[in-house]
Amino acid sequence: MVIMEIRDAVERLRADSGTSMIFGEPHQTSDGSTIITVSRLHRRWRGDPIPVPVGVFSIHEGEPSWSPAVDHTRAALMGEFIGLAAAVIATLAVLRRPPWPDVTIRKG
């Protein structure tokens, strides 16, 4: 009975979301939980769109919960780019105006 309600809800979500969201088939686990995967279509510059994981709906003892998919590689790459940008800006600031005092001698 619960599986049929979940399937109906997933079908409604599929109809409402258009073609950009992909909802997987509900799966039952050994502890009685129901798992539904969610992906979205990512448009690449060339070629066909590819599915990218968004997260997982899990229903355990009638309580739904959402667990987002986190791409740690993407977060680490963003950190590296921020560090690189900070190093470039600091280098340009030092080259533009060195931190040591100006020691030119003026004849006057």
Protein backbone atom coordinates (compact mmCIF):
# COMPACT_ATOMS: atom_id res chain seq x y z
CA MET A 1 0.00 0.00 0.00
CA VAL A 2 2.75 2.46 0.97
CA ILE A 3 4.77 1.52 -2.15
CA MET A 4 1.83 2.40 -4.39
CA GLU A 5 1.47 5.80 -2.71
CA ILE A 6 5.20 6.43 -3.13
CA ARG A 7 5.06 5.42 -6.79
CA ASP A 8 2.10 7.78 -7.33
CA ALA A 9 3.98 10.62 -5.63
CA VAL A 10 7.09 9.98 -7.75
CA GLU A 11 5.01 9.94 -10.92
CA ARG A 12 3.42 13.28 -9.94
CA LEU A 13 6.86 14.75 -9.26
CA ARG A 14 8.09 13.49 -12.63
CA ALA A 15 5.16 15.11 -14.39
CA ASP A 16 5.59 18.42 -12.51
CA SER A 17 9.35 18.70 -12.92
CA GLY A 18 9.51 18.34 -16.70
CA THR A 19 12.54 16.66 -18.22
CA SER A 20 15.32 18.22 -16.14
CA MET A 21 14.83 16.05 -13.02
CA ILE A 22 15.17 12.27 -12.98
CA PHE A 23 13.61 10.26 -10.15
CA GLY A 24 14.75 6.68 -9.77
CA GLU A 25 12.55 3.71 -9.01
CA PRO A 26 11.73 3.22 -5.31
CA HIS A 27 13.87 0.49 -3.71
CA GLN A 28 13.08 -1.39 -0.49
CA THR A 29 15.98 -2.09 1.90
CA SER A 30 16.22 -4.94 4.41
CA ASP A 31 15.22 -2.67 7.33
CA GLY A 32 12.00 -1.60 5.58
CA SER A 33 13.22 1.78 4.32
CA THR A 34 12.35 3.02 0.86
CA ILE A 35 15.07 4.79 -1.15
CA ILE A 36 14.43 7.07 -4.16
CA THR A 37 17.39 8.57 -6.01
CA VAL A 38 17.13 12.02 -7.62
CA SER A 39 19.31 13.33 -10.48
CA ARG A 40 19.17 16.27 -12.85
CA LEU A 41 20.25 16.54 -16.45
CA HIS A 42 23.42 18.57 -16.90
CA ARG A 43 23.86 20.11 -20.34
CA ARG A 44 27.42 19.81 -21.59
CA TRP A 45 28.98 22.05 -24.22
CA ARG A 46 29.13 19.16 -26.64
CA GLY A 47 27.21 15.95 -26.77
CA ASP A 48 24.19 14.67 -24.92
CA PRO A 49 23.16 15.82 -21.46
CA ILE A 50 24.40 13.63 -18.61
CA PRO A 51 22.62 12.84 -15.32
CA VAL A 52 24.20 14.38 -12.22
CA PRO A 53 23.23 13.08 -8.74
CA VAL A 54 21.28 15.56 -6.61
CA GLY A 55 20.41 13.45 -3.58
CA VAL A 56 18.32 10.66 -2.09
CA PHE A 57 14.86 10.57 -0.56
CA SER A 58 14.60 7.93 2.14
CA ILE A 59 11.43 6.92 3.94
CA HIS A 60 11.87 4.98 7.18
CA GLU A 61 8.88 4.13 9.39
CA GLY A 62 6.74 6.69 7.56
CA GLU A 63 9.22 9.55 8.11
CA PRO A 64 10.69 11.00 4.89
CA SER A 65 14.16 12.53 4.85
CA TRP A 66 16.33 14.16 2.20
CA SER A 67 20.08 13.58 1.91
CA PRO A 68 21.78 15.83 -0.65
CA ALA A 69 24.63 14.48 -2.75
CA VAL A 70 27.81 16.46 -2.07
CA ASP A 71 30.61 16.45 -4.62
CA HIS A 72 33.74 16.77 -2.46
CA THR A 73 35.97 16.90 -5.53
CA ARG A 74 34.17 20.00 -6.75
CA ALA A 75 34.46 21.66 -3.31
CA ALA A 76 38.21 20.86 -3.14
CA LEU A 77 38.74 22.23 -6.64
CA MET A 78 36.96 25.46 -5.67
CA GLY A 79 39.30 25.78 -2.66
CA GLU A 80 42.33 25.33 -4.88
CA PHE A 81 41.12 28.01 -7.28
CA ILE A 82 40.50 30.44 -4.42
CA GLY A 83 44.00 29.76 -3.04
CA LEU A 84 45.54 30.29 -6.47
CA ALA A 85 43.66 33.57 -6.93
CA ALA A 86 44.79 34.78 -3.49
CA ALA A 87 48.43 33.91 -4.31
CA VAL A 88 48.26 35.75 -7.65
CA ILE A 89 46.70 38.85 -6.07
CA ALA A 90 49.31 38.87 -3.26
CA THR A 91 52.15 38.47 -5.78
CA LEU A 92 50.84 41.32 -7.91
CA ALA A 93 50.48 43.54 -4.85
CA VAL A 94 54.10 42.88 -3.82
CA LEU A 95 55.44 43.44 -7.34
CA ARG A 96 53.46 46.64 -7.72
CA ARG A 97 54.65 48.12 -4.44
CA PRO A 98 57.31 46.13 -2.55
CA PRO A 99 56.89 45.94 1.24
CA TRP A 100 60.38 47.30 1.93
CA PRO A 101 60.94 51.07 2.25
CA ASP A 102 61.95 53.28 -0.65
CA VAL A 103 65.73 53.95 -0.26
CA THR A 104 66.40 56.36 -3.11
CA ILE A 105 68.82 59.17 -2.36
CA ARG A 106 67.88 62.56 -3.68
CA LYS A 107 70.38 65.31 -4.29
CA GLY A 108 69.01 68.50 -3.50
